[in-house]
Amino acid sequence: METLLDQKLVSSWFDVQSVPQTYVHPPEKRPGKLNVPLCKNIPVVDIGSHDRRDTIHRISKASEEFGFFQVINHGVPIKLIDDTMSVFKEFHALPQKDKAIEGSKDPSRSCKLYTSSENYANEEVHYWRDVLTHPGHPFEHYMQFWPEKPTRYREVVKAYLEEVRNLSYVILELLAEGLGIGTEFFFGGLTESPVLLSNHYPPCPDPSVTLGLTKHCDPTLITILLQDTDGLQVFKDGNWIGVEPVPSAFVVNIGYVLQMISNSKFKGAEHRVVTNSRVARTTIAYLIHPSNESLIAPAKSLCNPPLYRSMKFKEFLRNFKSKAANAEAVLKLISLSSS
């Protein structure tokens, strides 16, 4: 299995001169204009501010208008942020065989390394990325399957996950207050199964014909992303806009689960990742998933009328995956208006 994965990893093609045909997207799905304007309007919110009412207003407005915002003064130590990004870059730079072994220890495949997407075998076209992923909580069940190379991986990533978990509670409290549903609404089952996902997008010989990740909305409550290189783009008002990396900031985006709970007051924004020919891009995403048995439904106080069906998270995720993240198809499955 390792040899197979080893050969498939995009990062193993050091001297590829052109994009292999299986990675060339049909013309209508190609990125088009790669150098889209970096958006100055996506709010950068100081969540260390003492004006809580203003912070809630700014985050709520961003969640309604963009489905995206960035947070600064978030309390996660800058050194830990830098160390964590370094550790993941070191992991993705390991020899291919080492990476394949490190990403293949978990018999349940909760902790794993893959390329393009989890549906690689059935995809019509692949994506220019490698992915390392494992559950973000609880540590005692999964740490034995985490990579042991780089040697500081477990120590650094555990500390990072603890900090980002705490940050997620702060952000979700602010979002809950903005919705008027009580600050503890999201605690418990709705935040029980976070997932860590590190994307690695190697330099690409022709970024105009492929994508790091196609247009999609996340199947999460929220996603908290660490990025330090351009490539993330959000679809707004019929145009693609770039999400500018802000040093040591986190990008936060609304997922389908929060869109459903907020009864569409907060909307998940469709986004994609483009590649570039000069440098690799590594990102660290913290995906906040509910437990499988959690019921996802519009909050009662926001149902006027309810726009979405009630369903267990495992049912939602099955629907999401069956539609290959196609927004129109996913919305048809979860909306009440389609019944």
C-alpha atoms as a PDB file:
ATOM      1  CA  MET A   1       0.000   0.000   0.000  1.00  0.00           C
ATOM      2  CA  GLU A   2       2.821   2.389   0.907  1.00  0.00           C
ATOM      3  CA  THR A   3       4.491   1.980  -2.473  1.00  0.00           C
ATOM      4  CA  LEU A   4       1.277   2.776  -4.265  1.00  0.00           C
ATOM      5  CA  LEU A   5       0.672   5.901  -2.194  1.00  0.00           C
ATOM      6  CA  ASP A   6       4.314   6.821  -2.509  1.00  0.00           C
ATOM      7  CA  GLN A   7       3.987   6.928  -6.301  1.00  0.00           C
ATOM      8  CA  LYS A   8       0.688   8.818  -6.244  1.00  0.00           C
ATOM      9  CA  LEU A   9       1.750  11.719  -4.011  1.00  0.00           C
ATOM     10  CA  VAL A  10       1.877  14.924  -6.047  1.00  0.00           C
ATOM     11  CA  SER A  11       4.886  16.060  -4.004  1.00  0.00           C
ATOM     12  CA  SER A  12       6.883  13.090  -5.337  1.00  0.00           C
ATOM     13  CA  TRP A  13       6.973  14.460  -8.898  1.00  0.00           C
ATOM     14  CA  PHE A  14      10.029  16.656  -8.542  1.00  0.00           C
ATOM     15  CA  ASP A  15      10.778  17.266 -12.195  1.00  0.00           C
ATOM     16  CA  VAL A  16       7.389  16.983 -13.888  1.00  0.00           C
ATOM     17  CA  GLN A  17       7.373  19.348 -16.887  1.00  0.00           C
ATOM     18  CA  SER A  18       3.648  19.350 -17.611  1.00  0.00           C
ATOM     19  CA  VAL A  19       0.425  18.584 -15.769  1.00  0.00           C
ATOM     20  CA  PRO A  20      -0.527  14.889 -16.212  1.00  0.00           C
ATOM     21  CA  GLN A  21      -3.774  14.451 -18.142  1.00  0.00           C
ATOM     22  CA  THR A  22      -5.615  13.035 -15.108  1.00  0.00           C
ATOM     23  CA  TYR A  23      -5.092  16.407 -13.374  1.00  0.00           C
ATOM     24  CA  VAL A  24      -6.217  18.578 -16.307  1.00  0.00           C
ATOM     25  CA  HIS A  25      -9.699  19.932 -15.571  1.00  0.00           C
ATOM     26  CA  PRO A  26     -12.314  20.514 -18.284  1.00  0.00           C
ATOM     27  CA  PRO A  27     -12.205  24.103 -19.629  1.00  0.00           C
ATOM     28  CA  GLU A  28     -15.338  25.232 -17.751  1.00  0.00           C
ATOM     29  CA  LYS A  29     -13.849  24.164 -14.396  1.00  0.00           C
ATOM     30  CA  ARG A  30     -10.380  25.625 -14.846  1.00  0.00           C
ATOM     31  CA  PRO A  31      -9.340  28.562 -12.675  1.00  0.00           C
ATOM     32  CA  GLY A  32      -9.528  31.135 -15.485  1.00  0.00           C
ATOM     33  CA  LYS A  33      -7.919  34.322 -14.198  1.00  0.00           C
ATOM     34  CA  LEU A  34      -5.363  33.231 -11.608  1.00  0.00           C
ATOM     35  CA  ASN A  35      -4.363  36.646 -10.318  1.00  0.00           C
ATOM     36  CA  VAL A  36      -7.692  37.705  -8.860  1.00  0.00           C
ATOM     37  CA  PRO A  37      -7.692  40.818  -6.657  1.00  0.00           C
ATOM     38  CA  LEU A  38      -6.854  40.218  -2.999  1.00  0.00           C
ATOM     39  CA  CYS A  39      -9.941  41.325  -1.123  1.00  0.00           C
ATOM     40  CA  LYS A  40      -9.488  44.186   1.322  1.00  0.00           C
ATOM     41  CA  ASN A  41     -13.118  43.907   2.466  1.00  0.00           C
ATOM     42  CA  ILE A  42     -13.037  40.498   4.165  1.00  0.00           C
ATOM     43  CA  PRO A  43     -13.045  41.670   7.776  1.00  0.00           C
ATOM     44  CA  VAL A  44     -10.007  41.207   9.991  1.00  0.00           C
ATOM     45  CA  VAL A  45     -11.483  41.093  13.494  1.00  0.00           C
ATOM     46  CA  ASP A  46      -9.520  41.822  16.665  1.00  0.00           C
ATOM     47  CA  ILE A  47     -11.065  39.306  19.052  1.00  0.00           C
ATOM     48  CA  GLY A  48      -8.801  40.532  21.848  1.00  0.00           C
ATOM     49  CA  SER A  49     -10.728  43.825  21.755  1.00  0.00           C
ATOM     50  CA  HIS A  50     -12.469  44.957  24.951  1.00  0.00           C
ATOM     51  CA  ASP A  51     -15.516  46.076  22.991  1.00  0.00           C
ATOM     52  CA  ARG A  52     -17.346  42.733  22.905  1.00  0.00           C
ATOM     53  CA  ARG A  53     -20.499  44.186  21.369  1.00  0.00           C
ATOM     54  CA  ASP A  54     -18.500  45.607  18.445  1.00  0.00           C
ATOM     55  CA  THR A  55     -16.628  42.287  17.994  1.00  0.00           C
ATOM     56  CA  ILE A  56     -19.920  40.352  17.858  1.00  0.00           C
ATOM     57  CA  HIS A  57     -21.329  42.865  15.370  1.00  0.00           C
ATOM     58  CA  ARG A  58     -18.261  42.616  13.105  1.00  0.00           C
ATOM     59  CA  ILE A  59     -18.151  38.808  13.163  1.00  0.00           C
ATOM     60  CA  SER A  60     -21.918  38.515  12.577  1.00  0.00           C
ATOM     61  CA  LYS A  61     -21.814  40.975   9.671  1.00  0.00           C
ATOM     62  CA  ALA A  62     -18.903  39.099   8.081  1.00  0.00           C
ATOM     63  CA  SER A  63     -20.740  35.777   8.518  1.00  0.00           C
ATOM     64  CA  GLU A  64     -23.828  37.206   6.800  1.00  0.00           C
ATOM     65  CA  GLU A  65     -22.043  39.011   3.950  1.00  0.00           C
ATOM     66  CA  PHE A  66     -18.980  36.867   3.231  1.00  0.00           C
ATOM     67  CA  GLY A  67     -19.132  33.627   5.218  1.00  0.00           C
ATOM     68  CA  PHE A  68     -15.461  34.423   5.916  1.00  0.00           C
ATOM     69  CA  PHE A  69     -13.441  36.567   8.311  1.00  0.00           C
ATOM     70  CA  GLN A  70      -9.925  36.605   9.771  1.00  0.00           C
ATOM     71  CA  VAL A  71      -9.091  36.875  13.463  1.00  0.00           C
ATOM     72  CA  ILE A  72      -6.099  38.555  15.111  1.00  0.00           C
ATOM     73  CA  ASN A  73      -5.113  38.978  18.792  1.00  0.00           C
ATOM     74  CA  HIS A  74      -6.595  35.517  19.257  1.00  0.00           C
ATOM     75  CA  GLY A  75      -4.343  34.360  22.082  1.00  0.00           C
ATOM     76  CA  VAL A  76      -2.610  31.501  20.254  1.00  0.00           C
ATOM     77  CA  PRO A  77       1.145  32.072  20.802  1.00  0.00           C
ATOM     78  CA  ILE A  78       2.932  33.279  17.652  1.00  0.00           C
ATOM     79  CA  LYS A  79       5.868  30.928  18.303  1.00  0.00           C
ATOM     80  CA  LEU A  80       3.488  27.942  18.427  1.00  0.00           C
ATOM     81  CA  ILE A  81       1.871  29.054  15.157  1.00  0.00           C
ATOM     82  CA  ASP A  82       5.304  29.299  13.505  1.00  0.00           C
ATOM     83  CA  ASP A  83       6.471  25.967  14.962  1.00  0.00           C
ATOM     84  CA  THR A  84       3.310  24.195  13.804  1.00  0.00           C
ATOM     85  CA  MET A  85       3.577  25.524  10.263  1.00  0.00           C
ATOM     86  CA  SER A  86       7.265  24.486  10.228  1.00  0.00           C
ATOM     87  CA  VAL A  87       6.449  20.976  11.441  1.00  0.00           C
ATOM     88  CA  PHE A  88       3.876  20.430   8.696  1.00  0.00           C
ATOM     89  CA  LYS A  89       6.213  21.811   6.037  1.00  0.00           C
ATOM     90  CA  GLU A  90       8.895  19.429   7.342  1.00  0.00           C
ATOM     91  CA  PHE A  91       6.446  16.525   7.193  1.00  0.00           C
ATOM     92  CA  HIS A  92       5.470  17.237   3.593  1.00  0.00           C
ATOM     93  CA  ALA A  93       9.181  17.563   2.699  1.00  0.00           C
ATOM     94  CA  LEU A  94      10.047  14.103   4.079  1.00  0.00           C
ATOM     95  CA  PRO A  95      11.141  11.396   1.625  1.00  0.00           C
ATOM     96  CA  GLN A  96       8.046   9.928  -0.034  1.00  0.00           C
ATOM     97  CA  LYS A  97       8.424   6.469   1.500  1.00  0.00           C
ATOM     98  CA  ASP A  98       8.758   7.929   5.009  1.00  0.00           C
ATOM     99  CA  LYS A  99       5.609   9.993   4.504  1.00  0.00           C
ATOM    100  CA  ALA A 100       3.675   6.996   3.206  1.00  0.00           C
ATOM    101  CA  ILE A 101       4.711   4.916   6.248  1.00  0.00           C
ATOM    102  CA  GLU A 102       3.961   7.727   8.720  1.00  0.00           C
ATOM    103  CA  GLY A 103       0.526   8.206   7.176  1.00  0.00           C
ATOM    104  CA  SER A 104      -0.426   4.506   7.127  1.00  0.00           C
ATOM    105  CA  LYS A 105      -0.233   3.417  10.796  1.00  0.00           C
ATOM    106  CA  ASP A 106      -3.895   3.631  11.747  1.00  0.00           C
ATOM    107  CA  PRO A 107      -5.842   0.463  10.830  1.00  0.00           C
ATOM    108  CA  SER A 108      -9.135   2.398  11.075  1.00  0.00           C
ATOM    109  CA  ARG A 109      -7.784   5.039   8.620  1.00  0.00           C
ATOM    110  CA  SER A 110      -8.832   7.943  10.853  1.00  0.00           C
ATOM    111  CA  CYS A 111      -5.220   9.136  10.701  1.00  0.00           C
ATOM    112  CA  LYS A 112      -4.049   9.005   7.118  1.00  0.00           C
ATOM    113  CA  LEU A 113      -2.171  10.535   4.231  1.00  0.00           C
ATOM    114  CA  TYR A 114      -3.802  10.730   0.823  1.00  0.00           C
ATOM    115  CA  THR A 115      -3.516  12.622  -2.431  1.00  0.00           C
ATOM    116  CA  SER A 116      -6.146  14.692  -4.283  1.00  0.00           C
ATOM    117  CA  SER A 117      -9.174  13.544  -2.233  1.00  0.00           C
ATOM    118  CA  GLU A 118     -10.444  10.551  -0.268  1.00  0.00           C
ATOM    119  CA  ASN A 119     -12.310   9.542  -3.417  1.00  0.00           C
ATOM    120  CA  TYR A 120      -9.155   9.310  -5.561  1.00  0.00           C
ATOM    121  CA  ALA A 121     -10.062   5.964  -7.164  1.00  0.00           C
ATOM    122  CA  ASN A 122     -13.422   7.227  -8.474  1.00  0.00           C
ATOM    123  CA  GLU A 123     -12.557  10.799  -9.429  1.00  0.00           C
ATOM    124  CA  GLU A 124     -12.886  11.883 -13.034  1.00  0.00           C
ATOM    125  CA  VAL A 125     -10.073  14.365 -12.485  1.00  0.00           C
ATOM    126  CA  HIS A 126      -7.595  14.806  -9.612  1.00  0.00           C
ATOM    127  CA  TYR A 127      -6.553  17.814  -7.513  1.00  0.00           C
ATOM    128  CA  TRP A 128      -3.020  19.104  -7.121  1.00  0.00           C
ATOM    129  CA  ARG A 129      -2.610  18.433  -3.402  1.00  0.00           C
ATOM    130  CA  ASP A 130      -1.471  15.940  -0.770  1.00  0.00           C
ATOM    131  CA  VAL A 131      -3.341  15.763   2.555  1.00  0.00           C
ATOM    132  CA  LEU A 132      -2.415  14.582   6.040  1.00  0.00           C
ATOM    133  CA  THR A 133      -5.428  14.281   8.333  1.00  0.00           C
ATOM    134  CA  HIS A 134      -6.318  12.933  11.765  1.00  0.00           C
ATOM    135  CA  PRO A 135      -8.919  13.536  14.481  1.00  0.00           C
ATOM    136  CA  GLY A 136      -8.237  16.652  16.557  1.00  0.00           C
ATOM    137  CA  HIS A 137      -9.722  15.239  19.767  1.00  0.00           C
ATOM    138  CA  PRO A 138      -9.483  13.251  22.020  1.00  0.00           C
ATOM    139  CA  PHE A 139      -5.699  12.841  21.952  1.00  0.00           C
ATOM    140  CA  GLU A 140      -5.449   9.639  23.996  1.00  0.00           C
ATOM    141  CA  HIS A 141      -7.304   7.623  21.341  1.00  0.00           C
ATOM    142  CA  TYR A 142      -5.336   8.761  18.318  1.00  0.00           C
ATOM    143  CA  MET A 143      -1.861  10.066  19.188  1.00  0.00           C
ATOM    144  CA  GLN A 144      -0.312   6.605  18.814  1.00  0.00           C
ATOM    145  CA  PHE A 145      -1.129   6.810  15.093  1.00  0.00           C
ATOM    146  CA  TRP A 146       0.173  10.350  14.536  1.00  0.00           C
ATOM    147  CA  PRO A 147       3.435  10.749  12.607  1.00  0.00           C
ATOM    148  CA  GLU A 148       6.649  10.249  14.599  1.00  0.00           C
ATOM    149  CA  LYS A 149       8.610  12.138  11.946  1.00  0.00           C
ATOM    150  CA  PRO A 150       9.428  14.996  12.256  1.00  0.00           C
ATOM    151  CA  THR A 151      10.411  14.041  15.825  1.00  0.00           C
ATOM    152  CA  ARG A 152       8.662  17.059  17.409  1.00  0.00           C
ATOM    153  CA  TYR A 153       5.414  16.488  15.474  1.00  0.00           C
ATOM    154  CA  ARG A 154       3.365  15.043  18.344  1.00  0.00           C
ATOM    155  CA  GLU A 155       4.510  17.573  20.939  1.00  0.00           C
ATOM    156  CA  VAL A 156       3.948  20.638  18.726  1.00  0.00           C
ATOM    157  CA  VAL A 157       0.697  19.498  17.088  1.00  0.00           C
ATOM    158  CA  LYS A 158      -0.857  18.497  20.441  1.00  0.00           C
ATOM    159  CA  ALA A 159      -0.109  21.964  21.860  1.00  0.00           C
ATOM    160  CA  TYR A 160      -1.467  23.607  18.710  1.00  0.00           C
ATOM    161  CA  LEU A 161      -4.697  21.582  18.766  1.00  0.00           C
ATOM    162  CA  GLU A 162      -5.294  22.473  22.423  1.00  0.00           C
ATOM    163  CA  GLU A 163      -4.908  26.186  21.669  1.00  0.00           C
ATOM    164  CA  VAL A 164      -7.066  26.144  18.534  1.00  0.00           C
ATOM    165  CA  ARG A 165      -9.765  24.159  20.342  1.00  0.00           C
ATOM    166  CA  ASN A 166      -9.900  26.904  22.987  1.00  0.00           C
ATOM    167  CA  LEU A 167      -9.979  29.556  20.258  1.00  0.00           C
ATOM    168  CA  SER A 168     -12.862  27.749  18.537  1.00  0.00           C
ATOM    169  CA  TYR A 169     -14.941  28.049  21.723  1.00  0.00           C
ATOM    170  CA  VAL A 170     -14.283  31.794  21.888  1.00  0.00           C
ATOM    171  CA  ILE A 171     -15.331  32.262  18.244  1.00  0.00           C
ATOM    172  CA  LEU A 172     -18.410  30.039  18.576  1.00  0.00           C
ATOM    173  CA  GLU A 173     -19.527  31.941  21.701  1.00  0.00           C
ATOM    174  CA  LEU A 174     -19.338  35.197  19.728  1.00  0.00           C
ATOM    175  CA  LEU A 175     -21.268  33.649  16.819  1.00  0.00           C
ATOM    176  CA  ALA A 176     -23.924  32.255  19.173  1.00  0.00           C
ATOM    177  CA  GLU A 177     -24.363  35.670  20.799  1.00  0.00           C
ATOM    178  CA  GLY A 178     -24.682  37.213  17.354  1.00  0.00           C
ATOM    179  CA  LEU A 179     -27.503  34.775  16.591  1.00  0.00           C
ATOM    180  CA  GLY A 180     -29.133  35.352  19.983  1.00  0.00           C
ATOM    181  CA  ILE A 181     -29.175  31.633  20.832  1.00  0.00           C
ATOM    182  CA  GLY A 182     -27.177  31.530  24.088  1.00  0.00           C
ATOM    183  CA  THR A 183     -23.404  31.406  24.453  1.00  0.00           C
ATOM    184  CA  GLU A 184     -23.196  27.667  25.211  1.00  0.00           C
ATOM    185  CA  PHE A 185     -25.364  26.516  22.298  1.00  0.00           C
ATOM    186  CA  PHE A 186     -22.464  24.993  20.361  1.00  0.00           C
ATOM    187  CA  PHE A 187     -20.738  23.236  23.267  1.00  0.00           C
ATOM    188  CA  GLY A 188     -21.107  19.473  23.602  1.00  0.00           C
ATOM    189  CA  GLY A 189     -22.026  17.240  20.673  1.00  0.00           C
ATOM    190  CA  LEU A 190     -21.872  19.972  18.025  1.00  0.00           C
ATOM    191  CA  THR A 191     -18.123  20.466  18.572  1.00  0.00           C
ATOM    192  CA  GLU A 192     -17.213  16.938  19.677  1.00  0.00           C
ATOM    193  CA  SER A 193     -15.364  15.580  16.645  1.00  0.00           C
ATOM    194  CA  PRO A 194     -12.892  18.149  15.262  1.00  0.00           C
ATOM    195  CA  VAL A 195     -10.540  17.062  12.478  1.00  0.00           C
ATOM    196  CA  LEU A 196      -7.084  18.368  11.645  1.00  0.00           C
ATOM    197  CA  LEU A 197      -6.247  18.564   7.960  1.00  0.00           C
ATOM    198  CA  SER A 198      -2.940  19.718   6.510  1.00  0.00           C
ATOM    199  CA  ASN A 199      -3.075  20.480   2.779  1.00  0.00           C
ATOM    200  CA  HIS A 200       0.110  20.626   0.752  1.00  0.00           C
ATOM    201  CA  TYR A 201       0.029  22.095  -2.759  1.00  0.00           C
ATOM    202  CA  PRO A 202       3.409  21.639  -4.514  1.00  0.00           C
ATOM    203  CA  PRO A 203       4.487  24.046  -7.275  1.00  0.00           C
ATOM    204  CA  CYS A 204       2.565  23.243 -10.451  1.00  0.00           C
ATOM    205  CA  PRO A 205       3.978  23.495 -14.013  1.00  0.00           C
ATOM    206  CA  ASP A 206       0.709  24.958 -15.372  1.00  0.00           C
ATOM    207  CA  PRO A 207      -1.673  26.384 -12.725  1.00  0.00           C
ATOM    208  CA  SER A 208      -4.152  27.457 -15.425  1.00  0.00           C
ATOM    209  CA  VAL A 209      -5.359  23.898 -16.165  1.00  0.00           C
ATOM    210  CA  THR A 210      -5.715  22.372 -12.692  1.00  0.00           C
ATOM    211  CA  LEU A 211      -6.865  23.193  -9.163  1.00  0.00           C
ATOM    212  CA  GLY A 212      -5.601  22.530  -5.663  1.00  0.00           C
ATOM    213  CA  LEU A 213      -9.218  22.213  -4.561  1.00  0.00           C
ATOM    214  CA  THR A 214     -12.436  22.755  -6.487  1.00  0.00           C
ATOM    215  CA  LYS A 215     -15.242  25.203  -5.649  1.00  0.00           C
ATOM    216  CA  HIS A 216     -16.979  23.959  -2.487  1.00  0.00           C
ATOM    217  CA  CYS A 217     -18.440  24.867   0.886  1.00  0.00           C
ATOM    218  CA  ASP A 218     -17.184  23.021   3.996  1.00  0.00           C
ATOM    219  CA  PRO A 219     -19.266  20.310   5.755  1.00  0.00           C
ATOM    220  CA  THR A 220     -18.408  21.900   9.130  1.00  0.00           C
ATOM    221  CA  LEU A 221     -19.763  24.160  11.832  1.00  0.00           C
ATOM    222  CA  ILE A 222     -16.783  26.441  11.182  1.00  0.00           C
ATOM    223  CA  THR A 223     -13.286  25.885   9.781  1.00  0.00           C
ATOM    224  CA  ILE A 224     -10.254  27.624  11.303  1.00  0.00           C
ATOM    225  CA  LEU A 225      -7.413  27.850   8.770  1.00  0.00           C
ATOM    226  CA  LEU A 226      -3.770  28.818   9.095  1.00  0.00           C
ATOM    227  CA  GLN A 227      -2.211  29.969   5.796  1.00  0.00           C
ATOM    228  CA  ASP A 228       0.909  31.934   4.897  1.00  0.00           C
ATOM    229  CA  THR A 229       0.781  31.927   1.086  1.00  0.00           C
ATOM    230  CA  ASP A 230      -1.773  33.148  -1.494  1.00  0.00           C
ATOM    231  CA  GLY A 231      -4.044  30.589  -3.129  1.00  0.00           C
ATOM    232  CA  LEU A 232      -7.350  30.642  -1.238  1.00  0.00           C
ATOM    233  CA  GLN A 233     -10.158  32.322  -3.203  1.00  0.00           C
ATOM    234  CA  VAL A 234     -13.779  33.025  -2.207  1.00  0.00           C
ATOM    235  CA  PHE A 235     -16.700  33.253  -4.632  1.00  0.00           C
ATOM    236  CA  LYS A 236     -18.743  36.397  -3.979  1.00  0.00           C
ATOM    237  CA  ASP A 237     -21.261  38.232  -6.169  1.00  0.00           C
ATOM    238  CA  GLY A 238     -20.254  36.163  -9.194  1.00  0.00           C
ATOM    239  CA  ASN A 239     -16.505  36.823  -8.861  1.00  0.00           C
ATOM    240  CA  TRP A 240     -13.488  35.143  -7.316  1.00  0.00           C
ATOM    241  CA  ILE A 241     -11.590  37.180  -4.727  1.00  0.00           C
ATOM    242  CA  GLY A 242      -8.343  36.242  -2.991  1.00  0.00           C
ATOM    243  CA  VAL A 243      -8.110  35.876   0.786  1.00  0.00           C
ATOM    244  CA  GLU A 244      -4.921  37.730   1.655  1.00  0.00           C
ATOM    245  CA  PRO A 245      -2.662  35.981   4.186  1.00  0.00           C
ATOM    246  CA  VAL A 246      -2.386  38.178   7.298  1.00  0.00           C
ATOM    247  CA  PRO A 247       0.679  37.263   9.410  1.00  0.00           C
ATOM    248  CA  SER A 248      -0.293  35.012  12.352  1.00  0.00           C
ATOM    249  CA  ALA A 249      -4.032  35.480  11.691  1.00  0.00           C
ATOM    250  CA  PHE A 250      -6.527  32.654  11.334  1.00  0.00           C
ATOM    251  CA  VAL A 251      -9.045  32.532   8.500  1.00  0.00           C
ATOM    252  CA  VAL A 252     -12.468  31.446   9.777  1.00  0.00           C
ATOM    253  CA  ASN A 253     -15.186  30.302   7.413  1.00  0.00           C
ATOM    254  CA  ILE A 254     -18.789  29.290   7.977  1.00  0.00           C
ATOM    255  CA  GLY A 255     -19.715  25.725   7.022  1.00  0.00           C
ATOM    256  CA  TYR A 256     -22.997  24.087   6.014  1.00  0.00           C
ATOM    257  CA  VAL A 257     -23.730  22.954   9.590  1.00  0.00           C
ATOM    258  CA  LEU A 258     -23.751  26.524  10.922  1.00  0.00           C
ATOM    259  CA  GLN A 259     -25.709  27.670   7.866  1.00  0.00           C
ATOM    260  CA  MET A 260     -28.380  25.097   8.759  1.00  0.00           C
ATOM    261  CA  ILE A 261     -28.407  25.919  12.487  1.00  0.00           C
ATOM    262  CA  SER A 262     -28.599  29.670  11.804  1.00  0.00           C
ATOM    263  CA  ASN A 263     -31.440  29.027   9.319  1.00  0.00           C
ATOM    264  CA  SER A 264     -29.395  30.815   6.628  1.00  0.00           C
ATOM    265  CA  LYS A 265     -28.662  33.965   8.642  1.00  0.00           C
ATOM    266  CA  PHE A 266     -25.003  32.952   8.374  1.00  0.00           C
ATOM    267  CA  LYS A 267     -24.067  31.503   4.996  1.00  0.00           C
ATOM    268  CA  GLY A 268     -21.183  29.261   4.064  1.00  0.00           C
ATOM    269  CA  ALA A 269     -19.152  30.800   1.249  1.00  0.00           C
ATOM    270  CA  GLU A 270     -17.977  28.710  -1.679  1.00  0.00           C
ATOM    271  CA  HIS A 271     -14.219  28.769  -2.021  1.00  0.00           C
ATOM    272  CA  ARG A 272     -11.424  27.055  -3.951  1.00  0.00           C
ATOM    273  CA  VAL A 273      -7.627  26.793  -4.007  1.00  0.00           C
ATOM    274  CA  VAL A 274      -5.486  27.671  -7.016  1.00  0.00           C
ATOM    275  CA  THR A 275      -1.897  26.492  -7.434  1.00  0.00           C
ATOM    276  CA  ASN A 276       1.179  28.424  -8.495  1.00  0.00           C
ATOM    277  CA  SER A 277       4.339  27.549 -10.369  1.00  0.00           C
ATOM    278  CA  ARG A 278       6.840  29.110  -7.961  1.00  0.00           C
ATOM    279  CA  VAL A 279       6.341  27.915  -4.385  1.00  0.00           C
ATOM    280  CA  ALA A 280       4.615  25.177  -2.432  1.00  0.00           C
ATOM    281  CA  ARG A 281       1.659  26.175  -0.260  1.00  0.00           C
ATOM    282  CA  THR A 282       0.987  24.405   3.038  1.00  0.00           C
ATOM    283  CA  THR A 283      -2.099  25.104   5.153  1.00  0.00           C
ATOM    284  CA  ILE A 284      -3.481  23.750   8.433  1.00  0.00           C
ATOM    285  CA  ALA A 285      -7.253  23.471   8.734  1.00  0.00           C
ATOM    286  CA  TYR A 286      -9.144  22.734  11.952  1.00  0.00           C
ATOM    287  CA  LEU A 287     -12.547  21.413  10.895  1.00  0.00           C
ATOM    288  CA  ILE A 288     -15.209  21.525  13.590  1.00  0.00           C
ATOM    289  CA  HIS A 289     -17.490  18.533  13.069  1.00  0.00           C
ATOM    290  CA  PRO A 290     -20.349  17.476  15.339  1.00  0.00           C
ATOM    291  CA  SER A 291     -20.485  13.898  16.610  1.00  0.00           C
ATOM    292  CA  ASN A 292     -22.136  11.483  14.175  1.00  0.00           C
ATOM    293  CA  GLU A 293     -25.330  11.254  16.238  1.00  0.00           C
ATOM    294  CA  SER A 294     -25.759  15.016  16.763  1.00  0.00           C
ATOM    295  CA  LEU A 295     -28.980  16.370  15.331  1.00  0.00           C
ATOM    296  CA  ILE A 296     -28.436  19.259  12.909  1.00  0.00           C
ATOM    297  CA  ALA A 297     -31.464  21.531  12.590  1.00  0.00           C
ATOM    298  CA  PRO A 298     -32.297  25.246  12.594  1.00  0.00           C
ATOM    299  CA  ALA A 299     -32.251  26.655  16.149  1.00  0.00           C
ATOM    300  CA  LYS A 300     -35.850  26.880  17.366  1.00  0.00           C
ATOM    301  CA  SER A 301     -35.723  30.648  17.976  1.00  0.00           C
ATOM    302  CA  LEU A 302     -34.568  31.190  14.363  1.00  0.00           C
ATOM    303  CA  CYS A 303     -37.228  28.989  12.686  1.00  0.00           C
ATOM    304  CA  ASN A 304     -39.508  31.481  11.020  1.00  0.00           C
ATOM    305  CA  PRO A 305     -40.072  29.266   9.054  1.00  0.00           C
ATOM    306  CA  PRO A 306     -37.348  26.550   9.112  1.00  0.00           C
ATOM    307  CA  LEU A 307     -35.487  26.379   5.797  1.00  0.00           C
ATOM    308  CA  TYR A 308     -33.625  23.112   6.412  1.00  0.00           C
ATOM    309  CA  ARG A 309     -34.478  19.533   7.272  1.00  0.00           C
ATOM    310  CA  SER A 310     -33.427  18.073  10.623  1.00  0.00           C
ATOM    311  CA  MET A 311     -30.866  15.308  10.220  1.00  0.00           C
ATOM    312  CA  LYS A 312     -28.114  13.551  12.116  1.00  0.00           C
ATOM    313  CA  PHE A 313     -24.641  14.750  11.230  1.00  0.00           C
ATOM    314  CA  LYS A 314     -23.684  11.329   9.824  1.00  0.00           C
ATOM    315  CA  GLU A 315     -26.641  11.560   7.418  1.00  0.00           C
ATOM    316  CA  PHE A 316     -25.662  15.075   6.384  1.00  0.00           C
ATOM    317  CA  LEU A 317     -22.050  14.006   5.782  1.00  0.00           C
ATOM    318  CA  ARG A 318     -23.176  11.019   3.709  1.00  0.00           C
ATOM    319  CA  ASN A 319     -25.316  13.347   1.573  1.00  0.00           C
ATOM    320  CA  PHE A 320     -22.452  15.823   1.234  1.00  0.00           C
ATOM    321  CA  LYS A 321     -19.980  13.172   0.088  1.00  0.00           C
ATOM    322  CA  SER A 322     -22.484  11.561  -2.291  1.00  0.00           C
ATOM    323  CA  LYS A 323     -22.848  14.887  -4.109  1.00  0.00           C
ATOM    324  CA  ALA A 324     -19.075  15.437  -4.342  1.00  0.00           C
ATOM    325  CA  ALA A 325     -19.504  18.790  -2.554  1.00  0.00           C
ATOM    326  CA  ASN A 326     -21.616  20.240  -5.393  1.00  0.00           C
ATOM    327  CA  ALA A 327     -23.353  23.172  -3.667  1.00  0.00           C
ATOM    328  CA  GLU A 328     -26.555  23.077  -5.690  1.00  0.00           C
ATOM    329  CA  ALA A 329     -27.012  19.339  -5.148  1.00  0.00           C
ATOM    330  CA  VAL A 330     -26.159  19.531  -1.430  1.00  0.00           C
ATOM    331  CA  LEU A 331     -28.626  22.376  -0.846  1.00  0.00           C
ATOM    332  CA  LYS A 332     -31.342  20.421  -2.626  1.00  0.00           C
ATOM    333  CA  LEU A 333     -30.817  17.526  -0.210  1.00  0.00           C
ATOM    334  CA  ILE A 334     -30.815  19.597   2.993  1.00  0.00           C
ATOM    335  CA  SER A 335     -33.438  22.256   2.142  1.00  0.00           C
ATOM    336  CA  LEU A 336     -37.089  21.875   3.129  1.00  0.00           C
ATOM    337  CA  SER A 337     -38.220  23.777   0.033  1.00  0.00           C
ATOM    338  CA  SER A 338     -37.144  20.850  -2.149  1.00  0.00           C
ATOM    339  CA  SER A 339     -39.475  18.345  -0.492  1.00  0.00           C
END
